[in-house]
Full PDB file with SEQRES, HELIX, SHEET, SSBOND, CRYST1, ORIGX, SCALE, CONECT and MASTER records, all heavy atoms in Angstrom:
SEQRES   1 A   31  HIS ARG GLY ARG SER ALA THR ALA LYS PRO ASN PRO MET          
SEQRES   2 A   31  LEU SER ALA ASP GLU ASN ALA LEU SER LEU CYS PHE PRO          
SEQRES   3 A   31  ASP GLY TRP LEU ASN                                          
SHEET    1 AA1 2 MET A  13  ASP A  17  0                                        
SHEET    2 AA1 2 ALA A  20  CYS A  24 -1                                        
CRYST1    1.000    1.000    1.000  90.00  90.00  90.00 P 1           1          
ORIGX1      1.000000  0.000000  0.000000        0.00000                         
ORIGX2      0.000000  1.000000  0.000000        0.00000                         
ORIGX3      0.000000  0.000000  1.000000        0.00000                         
SCALE1      1.000000  0.000000  0.000000        0.00000                         
SCALE2      0.000000  1.000000  0.000000        0.00000                         
SCALE3      0.000000  0.000000  1.000000        0.00000                         
ATOM      1  N   HIS A   1       0.814  -1.229  -0.020  1.00  0.00           N  
ATOM      2  CA  HIS A   1       0.004  -0.005   0.003  1.00  0.00           C  
ATOM      3  C   HIS A   1       0.869   1.261   0.009  1.00  0.00           C  
ATOM      4  O   HIS A   1       0.405   2.332   0.448  1.00  0.00           O  
ATOM      5  CB  HIS A   1      -0.963   0.027   1.185  1.00  0.00           C  
ATOM      6  CG  HIS A   1      -1.966  -1.097   1.125  1.00  0.00           C  
ATOM      7  ND1 HIS A   1      -3.068  -1.031   0.272  1.00  0.00           N  
ATOM      8  CD2 HIS A   1      -2.060  -2.296   1.774  1.00  0.00           C  
ATOM      9  CE1 HIS A   1      -3.803  -2.117   0.435  1.00  0.00           C  
ATOM     10  NE2 HIS A   1      -3.192  -2.914   1.297  1.00  0.00           N  
ATOM     11  N   ARG A   2       2.070   1.151  -0.518  1.00  0.00           N  
ATOM     12  CA  ARG A   2       2.963   2.301  -0.570  1.00  0.00           C  
ATOM     13  C   ARG A   2       2.341   3.455  -1.340  1.00  0.00           C  
ATOM     14  O   ARG A   2       2.533   4.656  -1.045  1.00  0.00           O  
ATOM     15  CB  ARG A   2       4.282   1.897  -1.210  1.00  0.00           C  
ATOM     16  CG  ARG A   2       5.310   3.010  -1.401  1.00  0.00           C  
ATOM     17  CD  ARG A   2       6.045   3.321  -0.109  1.00  0.00           C  
ATOM     18  NE  ARG A   2       7.008   4.346  -0.295  1.00  0.00           N  
ATOM     19  CZ  ARG A   2       8.243   4.159  -0.706  1.00  0.00           C  
ATOM     20  NH1 ARG A   2       8.692   2.944  -0.969  1.00  0.00           N  
ATOM     21  NH2 ARG A   2       9.136   5.181  -0.828  1.00  0.00           N  
ATOM     22  N   GLY A   3       1.560   3.152  -2.382  1.00  0.00           N  
ATOM     23  CA  GLY A   3       0.906   4.231  -3.227  1.00  0.00           C  
ATOM     24  C   GLY A   3      -0.255   4.890  -2.547  1.00  0.00           C  
ATOM     25  O   GLY A   3      -0.836   5.831  -3.133  1.00  0.00           O  
ATOM     26  N   ARG A   4      -0.719   4.384  -1.382  1.00  0.00           N  
ATOM     27  CA  ARG A   4      -1.816   4.944  -0.632  1.00  0.00           C  
ATOM     28  C   ARG A   4      -3.095   5.033  -1.431  1.00  0.00           C  
ATOM     29  O   ARG A   4      -3.946   5.919  -1.222  1.00  0.00           O  
ATOM     30  CB  ARG A   4      -1.432   6.314  -0.045  1.00  0.00           C  
ATOM     31  CG  ARG A   4      -0.087   6.410   0.606  1.00  0.00           C  
ATOM     32  CD  ARG A   4       0.224   7.746   1.191  1.00  0.00           C  
ATOM     33  NE  ARG A   4      -0.508   7.943   2.427  1.00  0.00           N  
ATOM     34  CZ  ARG A   4      -0.043   7.537   3.642  1.00  0.00           C  
ATOM     35  NH1 ARG A   4       1.145   6.959   3.717  1.00  0.00           N  
ATOM     36  NH2 ARG A   4      -0.744   7.782   4.771  1.00  0.00           N  
ATOM     37  N   SER A   5      -3.307   4.137  -2.386  1.00  0.00           N  
ATOM     38  CA  SER A   5      -4.507   4.151  -3.228  1.00  0.00           C  
ATOM     39  C   SER A   5      -5.614   3.411  -2.528  1.00  0.00           C  
ATOM     40  O   SER A   5      -5.458   2.333  -1.989  1.00  0.00           O  
ATOM     41  CB  SER A   5      -4.184   3.507  -4.585  1.00  0.00           C  
ATOM     42  OG  SER A   5      -5.347   3.316  -5.314  1.00  0.00           O  
ATOM     43  N   ALA A   6      -6.812   4.021  -2.670  1.00  0.00           N  
ATOM     44  CA  ALA A   6      -7.956   3.344  -2.074  1.00  0.00           C  
ATOM     45  C   ALA A   6      -8.543   2.289  -2.992  1.00  0.00           C  
ATOM     46  O   ALA A   6      -9.389   1.491  -2.594  1.00  0.00           O  
ATOM     47  CB  ALA A   6      -9.067   4.363  -1.807  1.00  0.00           C  
ATOM     48  N   THR A   7      -8.093   2.253  -4.257  1.00  0.00           N  
ATOM     49  CA  THR A   7      -8.596   1.346  -5.243  1.00  0.00           C  
ATOM     50  C   THR A   7      -7.705   0.166  -5.535  1.00  0.00           C  
ATOM     51  O   THR A   7      -8.159  -0.899  -5.988  1.00  0.00           O  
ATOM     52  CB  THR A   7      -8.998   2.035  -6.510  1.00  0.00           C  
ATOM     53  OG1 THR A   7      -7.812   2.660  -7.060  1.00  0.00           O  
ATOM     54  CG2 THR A   7     -10.053   3.099  -6.306  1.00  0.00           C  
ATOM     55  N   ALA A   8      -6.400   0.369  -5.440  1.00  0.00           N  
ATOM     56  CA  ALA A   8      -5.452  -0.725  -5.713  1.00  0.00           C  
ATOM     57  C   ALA A   8      -5.460  -1.788  -4.641  1.00  0.00           C  
ATOM     58  O   ALA A   8      -4.958  -1.544  -3.562  1.00  0.00           O  
ATOM     59  CB  ALA A   8      -4.041  -0.132  -5.887  1.00  0.00           C  
ATOM     60  N   LYS A   9      -6.058  -2.914  -4.936  1.00  0.00           N  
ATOM     61  CA  LYS A   9      -6.182  -3.986  -3.973  1.00  0.00           C  
ATOM     62  C   LYS A   9      -5.697  -5.289  -4.572  1.00  0.00           C  
ATOM     63  O   LYS A   9      -6.506  -6.100  -5.040  1.00  0.00           O  
ATOM     64  CB  LYS A   9      -7.641  -4.127  -3.469  1.00  0.00           C  
ATOM     65  CG  LYS A   9      -8.155  -2.869  -2.813  1.00  0.00           C  
ATOM     66  CD  LYS A   9      -9.600  -3.067  -2.387  1.00  0.00           C  
ATOM     67  CE  LYS A   9     -10.168  -1.821  -1.743  1.00  0.00           C  
ATOM     68  NZ  LYS A   9     -11.590  -1.903  -1.336  1.00  0.00           N  
ATOM     69  N   PRO A  10      -4.409  -5.524  -4.626  1.00  0.00           N  
ATOM     70  CA  PRO A  10      -3.871  -6.725  -5.302  1.00  0.00           C  
ATOM     71  C   PRO A  10      -4.172  -8.024  -4.578  1.00  0.00           C  
ATOM     72  O   PRO A  10      -4.311  -9.050  -5.184  1.00  0.00           O  
ATOM     73  CB  PRO A  10      -2.348  -6.449  -5.366  1.00  0.00           C  
ATOM     74  CG  PRO A  10      -2.101  -5.549  -4.223  1.00  0.00           C  
ATOM     75  CD  PRO A  10      -3.311  -4.680  -4.158  1.00  0.00           C  
ATOM     76  N   ASN A  11      -4.304  -7.968  -3.239  1.00  0.00           N  
ATOM     77  CA  ASN A  11      -4.606  -9.173  -2.394  1.00  0.00           C  
ATOM     78  C   ASN A  11      -3.734 -10.374  -2.824  1.00  0.00           C  
ATOM     79  O   ASN A  11      -4.275 -11.402  -3.274  1.00  0.00           O  
ATOM     80  CB  ASN A  11      -6.036  -9.521  -2.512  1.00  0.00           C  
ATOM     81  CG  ASN A  11      -6.971  -8.447  -1.909  1.00  0.00           C  
ATOM     82  OD1 ASN A  11      -6.523  -7.744  -0.996  1.00  0.00           O  
ATOM     83  ND2 ASN A  11      -8.189  -8.393  -2.364  1.00  0.00           N  
ATOM     84  N   PRO A  12      -2.402 -10.281  -2.718  1.00  0.00           N  
ATOM     85  CA  PRO A  12      -1.546 -11.410  -3.148  1.00  0.00           C  
ATOM     86  C   PRO A  12      -1.748 -12.594  -2.204  1.00  0.00           C  
ATOM     87  O   PRO A  12      -2.168 -12.440  -1.032  1.00  0.00           O  
ATOM     88  CB  PRO A  12      -0.149 -10.798  -3.047  1.00  0.00           C  
ATOM     89  CG  PRO A  12      -0.249  -9.751  -2.001  1.00  0.00           C  
ATOM     90  CD  PRO A  12      -1.638  -9.149  -2.157  1.00  0.00           C  
ATOM     91  N   MET A  13      -1.332 -13.740  -2.681  1.00  0.00           N  
ATOM     92  CA  MET A  13      -1.352 -14.977  -1.888  1.00  0.00           C  
ATOM     93  C   MET A  13       0.120 -15.216  -1.376  1.00  0.00           C  
ATOM     94  O   MET A  13       1.032 -15.075  -2.138  1.00  0.00           O  
ATOM     95  CB  MET A  13      -1.762 -16.163  -2.712  1.00  0.00           C  
ATOM     96  CG  MET A  13      -3.198 -16.028  -3.279  1.00  0.00           C  
ATOM     97  SD  MET A  13      -4.455 -15.917  -1.973  1.00  0.00           S  
ATOM     98  CE  MET A  13      -4.330 -17.518  -1.178  1.00  0.00           C  
ATOM     99  N   LEU A  14       0.181 -15.513  -0.046  1.00  0.00           N  
ATOM    100  CA  LEU A  14       1.488 -15.728   0.532  1.00  0.00           C  
ATOM    101  C   LEU A  14       1.576 -17.099   1.105  1.00  0.00           C  
ATOM    102  O   LEU A  14       0.628 -17.593   1.776  1.00  0.00           O  
ATOM    103  CB  LEU A  14       1.686 -14.705   1.702  1.00  0.00           C  
ATOM    104  CG  LEU A  14       3.042 -14.718   2.399  1.00  0.00           C  
ATOM    105  CD1 LEU A  14       4.174 -14.324   1.441  1.00  0.00           C  
ATOM    106  CD2 LEU A  14       3.031 -13.781   3.596  1.00  0.00           C  
ATOM    107  N   SER A  15       2.691 -17.771   0.869  1.00  0.00           N  
ATOM    108  CA  SER A  15       2.994 -19.090   1.472  1.00  0.00           C  
ATOM    109  C   SER A  15       4.312 -19.047   2.143  1.00  0.00           C  
ATOM    110  O   SER A  15       5.164 -18.248   1.735  1.00  0.00           O  
ATOM    111  CB  SER A  15       2.919 -20.197   0.428  1.00  0.00           C  
ATOM    112  OG  SER A  15       3.872 -19.959  -0.591  1.00  0.00           O  
ATOM    113  N   ALA A  16       4.497 -19.843   3.153  1.00  0.00           N  
ATOM    114  CA  ALA A  16       5.726 -19.819   3.951  1.00  0.00           C  
ATOM    115  C   ALA A  16       6.210 -21.230   4.222  1.00  0.00           C  
ATOM    116  O   ALA A  16       5.463 -22.134   4.486  1.00  0.00           O  
ATOM    117  CB  ALA A  16       5.539 -19.074   5.273  1.00  0.00           C  
ATOM    118  N   ASP A  17       7.548 -21.401   4.148  1.00  0.00           N  
ATOM    119  CA  ASP A  17       8.204 -22.650   4.512  1.00  0.00           C  
ATOM    120  C   ASP A  17       9.417 -22.262   5.309  1.00  0.00           C  
ATOM    121  O   ASP A  17      10.487 -21.986   4.719  1.00  0.00           O  
ATOM    122  CB  ASP A  17       8.529 -23.446   3.266  1.00  0.00           C  
ATOM    123  CG  ASP A  17       9.139 -24.784   3.616  1.00  0.00           C  
ATOM    124  OD1 ASP A  17       9.102 -25.162   4.795  1.00  0.00           O  
ATOM    125  OD2 ASP A  17       9.706 -25.442   2.708  1.00  0.00           O  
ATOM    126  N   GLU A  18       9.280 -22.286   6.639  1.00  0.00           N  
ATOM    127  CA  GLU A  18      10.304 -21.789   7.539  1.00  0.00           C  
ATOM    128  C   GLU A  18      10.758 -20.383   7.149  1.00  0.00           C  
ATOM    129  O   GLU A  18       9.945 -19.485   7.129  1.00  0.00           O  
ATOM    130  CB  GLU A  18      11.492 -22.766   7.600  1.00  0.00           C  
ATOM    131  CG  GLU A  18      11.197 -24.013   8.437  1.00  0.00           C  
ATOM    132  CD  GLU A  18      10.779 -23.682   9.852  1.00  0.00           C  
ATOM    133  OE1 GLU A  18      11.435 -22.819  10.504  1.00  0.00           O  
ATOM    134  OE2 GLU A  18       9.823 -24.327  10.339  1.00  0.00           O  
ATOM    135  N   ASN A  19      11.931 -20.174   6.642  1.00  0.00           N  
ATOM    136  CA  ASN A  19      12.426 -18.854   6.353  1.00  0.00           C  
ATOM    137  C   ASN A  19      12.349 -18.492   4.871  1.00  0.00           C  
ATOM    138  O   ASN A  19      13.055 -17.597   4.387  1.00  0.00           O  
ATOM    139  CB  ASN A  19      13.877 -18.670   6.823  1.00  0.00           C  
ATOM    140  CG  ASN A  19      13.913 -18.609   8.362  1.00  0.00           C  
ATOM    141  OD1 ASN A  19      13.011 -18.153   9.020  1.00  0.00           O  
ATOM    142  ND2 ASN A  19      15.039 -19.104   8.895  1.00  0.00           N  
ATOM    143  N   ALA A  20      11.500 -19.242   4.151  1.00  0.00           N  
ATOM    144  CA  ALA A  20      11.298 -18.937   2.723  1.00  0.00           C  
ATOM    145  C   ALA A  20       9.845 -18.538   2.484  1.00  0.00           C  
ATOM    146  O   ALA A  20       8.915 -19.184   2.906  1.00  0.00           O  
ATOM    147  CB  ALA A  20      11.646 -20.151   1.866  1.00  0.00           C  
ATOM    148  N   LEU A  21       9.663 -17.419   1.786  1.00  0.00           N  
ATOM    149  CA  LEU A  21       8.339 -16.835   1.508  1.00  0.00           C  
ATOM    150  C   LEU A  21       8.157 -16.764  -0.005  1.00  0.00           C  
ATOM    151  O   LEU A  21       9.089 -16.498  -0.753  1.00  0.00           O  
ATOM    152  CB  LEU A  21       8.178 -15.443   2.064  1.00  0.00           C  
ATOM    153  CG  LEU A  21       8.067 -15.274   3.580  1.00  0.00           C  
ATOM    154  CD1 LEU A  21       8.097 -13.818   3.907  1.00  0.00           C  
ATOM    155  CD2 LEU A  21       6.807 -15.927   4.121  1.00  0.00           C  
ATOM    156  N   SER A  22       6.874 -17.061  -0.407  1.00  0.00           N  
ATOM    157  CA  SER A  22       6.495 -16.936  -1.805  1.00  0.00           C  
ATOM    158  C   SER A  22       5.276 -16.091  -1.863  1.00  0.00           C  
ATOM    159  O   SER A  22       4.225 -16.431  -1.302  1.00  0.00           O  
ATOM    160  CB  SER A  22       6.296 -18.297  -2.443  1.00  0.00           C  
ATOM    161  OG  SER A  22       5.850 -18.204  -3.788  1.00  0.00           O  
ATOM    162  N   LEU A  23       5.347 -14.948  -2.620  1.00  0.00           N  
ATOM    163  CA  LEU A  23       4.277 -13.976  -2.739  1.00  0.00           C  
ATOM    164  C   LEU A  23       3.749 -14.009  -4.181  1.00  0.00           C  
ATOM    165  O   LEU A  23       4.480 -13.735  -5.126  1.00  0.00           O  
ATOM    166  CB  LEU A  23       4.781 -12.606  -2.366  1.00  0.00           C  
ATOM    167  CG  LEU A  23       3.764 -11.484  -2.141  1.00  0.00           C  
ATOM    168  CD1 LEU A  23       2.828 -11.849  -0.971  1.00  0.00           C  
ATOM    169  CD2 LEU A  23       4.507 -10.192  -1.837  1.00  0.00           C  
ATOM    170  N   CYS A  24       2.485 -14.391  -4.345  1.00  0.00           N  
ATOM    171  CA  CYS A  24       1.917 -14.565  -5.657  1.00  0.00           C  
ATOM    172  C   CYS A  24       0.826 -13.492  -5.940  1.00  0.00           C  
ATOM    173  O   CYS A  24      -0.192 -13.437  -5.208  1.00  0.00           O  
ATOM    174  CB  CYS A  24       1.322 -15.968  -5.813  1.00  0.00           C  
ATOM    175  SG  CYS A  24       0.507 -16.282  -7.393  1.00  0.00           S  
ATOM    176  N   PHE A  25       1.056 -12.632  -6.959  1.00  0.00           N  
ATOM    177  CA  PHE A  25       0.109 -11.599  -7.285  1.00  0.00           C  
ATOM    178  C   PHE A  25      -0.830 -12.022  -8.381  1.00  0.00           C  
ATOM    179  O   PHE A  25      -0.493 -12.979  -9.155  1.00  0.00           O  
ATOM    180  CB  PHE A  25       0.854 -10.300  -7.722  1.00  0.00           C  
ATOM    181  CG  PHE A  25       1.586  -9.595  -6.588  1.00  0.00           C  
ATOM    182  CD1 PHE A  25       2.839  -9.967  -6.203  1.00  0.00           C  
ATOM    183  CD2 PHE A  25       0.916  -8.579  -5.883  1.00  0.00           C  
ATOM    184  CE1 PHE A  25       3.480  -9.307  -5.158  1.00  0.00           C  
ATOM    185  CE2 PHE A  25       1.543  -7.909  -4.862  1.00  0.00           C  
ATOM    186  CZ  PHE A  25       2.839  -8.306  -4.501  1.00  0.00           C  
ATOM    187  N   PRO A  26      -1.978 -11.411  -8.635  1.00  0.00           N  
ATOM    188  CA  PRO A  26      -2.829 -11.750  -9.756  1.00  0.00           C  
ATOM    189  C   PRO A  26      -2.103 -11.547 -11.049  1.00  0.00           C  
ATOM    190  O   PRO A  26      -1.142 -10.756 -11.175  1.00  0.00           O  
ATOM    191  CB  PRO A  26      -3.981 -10.690  -9.582  1.00  0.00           C  
ATOM    192  CG  PRO A  26      -4.000 -10.283  -8.157  1.00  0.00           C  
ATOM    193  CD  PRO A  26      -2.550 -10.367  -7.731  1.00  0.00           C  
ATOM    194  N   ASP A  27      -2.488 -12.356 -12.050  1.00  0.00           N  
ATOM    195  CA  ASP A  27      -1.841 -12.291 -13.357  1.00  0.00           C  
ATOM    196  C   ASP A  27      -1.741 -10.852 -13.886  1.00  0.00           C  
ATOM    197  O   ASP A  27      -2.766 -10.152 -13.901  1.00  0.00           O  
ATOM    198  CB  ASP A  27      -2.604 -13.135 -14.362  1.00  0.00           C  
ATOM    199  CG  ASP A  27      -2.418 -14.649 -14.057  1.00  0.00           C  
ATOM    200  OD1 ASP A  27      -1.496 -14.992 -13.285  1.00  0.00           O  
ATOM    201  OD2 ASP A  27      -3.260 -15.445 -14.560  1.00  0.00           O  
ATOM    202  N   GLY A  28      -0.563 -10.460 -14.298  1.00  0.00           N  
ATOM    203  CA  GLY A  28      -0.383  -9.140 -14.933  1.00  0.00           C  
ATOM    204  C   GLY A  28      -0.227  -8.024 -13.962  1.00  0.00           C  
ATOM    205  O   GLY A  28       0.105  -6.898 -14.407  1.00  0.00           O  
ATOM    206  N   TRP A  29      -0.467  -8.224 -12.711  1.00  0.00           N  
ATOM    207  CA  TRP A  29      -0.433  -7.098 -11.733  1.00  0.00           C  
ATOM    208  C   TRP A  29       0.955  -6.457 -11.663  1.00  0.00           C  
ATOM    209  O   TRP A  29       1.124  -5.286 -11.737  1.00  0.00           O  
ATOM    210  CB  TRP A  29      -0.930  -7.492 -10.370  1.00  0.00           C  
ATOM    211  CG  TRP A  29      -1.181  -6.366  -9.464  1.00  0.00           C  
ATOM    212  CD1 TRP A  29      -2.333  -5.649  -9.326  1.00  0.00           C  
ATOM    213  CD2 TRP A  29      -0.247  -5.722  -8.550  1.00  0.00           C  
ATOM    214  NE1 TRP A  29      -2.227  -4.656  -8.405  1.00  0.00           N  
ATOM    215  CE2 TRP A  29      -0.925  -4.626  -7.926  1.00  0.00           C  
ATOM    216  CE3 TRP A  29       1.083  -5.947  -8.271  1.00  0.00           C  
ATOM    217  CZ2 TRP A  29      -0.312  -3.839  -6.994  1.00  0.00           C  
ATOM    218  CZ3 TRP A  29       1.724  -5.128  -7.344  1.00  0.00           C  
ATOM    219  CH2 TRP A  29       1.025  -4.079  -6.700  1.00  0.00           C  
ATOM    220  N   LEU A  30       1.978  -7.294 -11.523  1.00  0.00           N  
ATOM    221  CA  LEU A  30       3.296  -6.820 -11.382  1.00  0.00           C  
ATOM    222  C   LEU A  30       3.797  -6.070 -12.686  1.00  0.00           C  
ATOM    223  O   LEU A  30       4.532  -5.083 -12.614  1.00  0.00           O  
ATOM    224  CB  LEU A  30       4.310  -7.901 -11.068  1.00  0.00           C  
ATOM    225  CG  LEU A  30       4.252  -8.390  -9.603  1.00  0.00           C  
ATOM    226  CD1 LEU A  30       5.139  -9.626  -9.426  1.00  0.00           C  
ATOM    227  CD2 LEU A  30       4.609  -7.286  -8.624  1.00  0.00           C  
ATOM    228  N   ASN A  31       3.324  -6.555 -13.871  1.00  0.00           N  
ATOM    229  CA  ASN A  31       3.703  -5.896 -15.110  1.00  0.00           C  
ATOM    230  C   ASN A  31       3.084  -4.542 -15.186  1.00  0.00           C  
ATOM    231  O   ASN A  31       3.693  -3.621 -15.799  1.00  0.00           O  
ATOM    232  CB  ASN A  31       3.258  -6.760 -16.304  1.00  0.00           C  
ATOM    233  CG  ASN A  31       4.081  -8.019 -16.425  1.00  0.00           C  
ATOM    234  OD1 ASN A  31       5.224  -8.073 -16.006  1.00  0.00           O  
ATOM    235  ND2 ASN A  31       3.472  -9.062 -17.050  1.00  0.00           N  
TER     236      ASN A  31                                                      
MASTER        0    0    0    0    2    0    0    6  235    1    0    3          
END                                                                             
């Protein structure tokens, strides 16, 4: 939420395995 936008809601999925994290955004969001 760095952009402080009220409309940008990516809601990524996060998974964790001890000290490893995987953050998955909706298709095309990062582009």
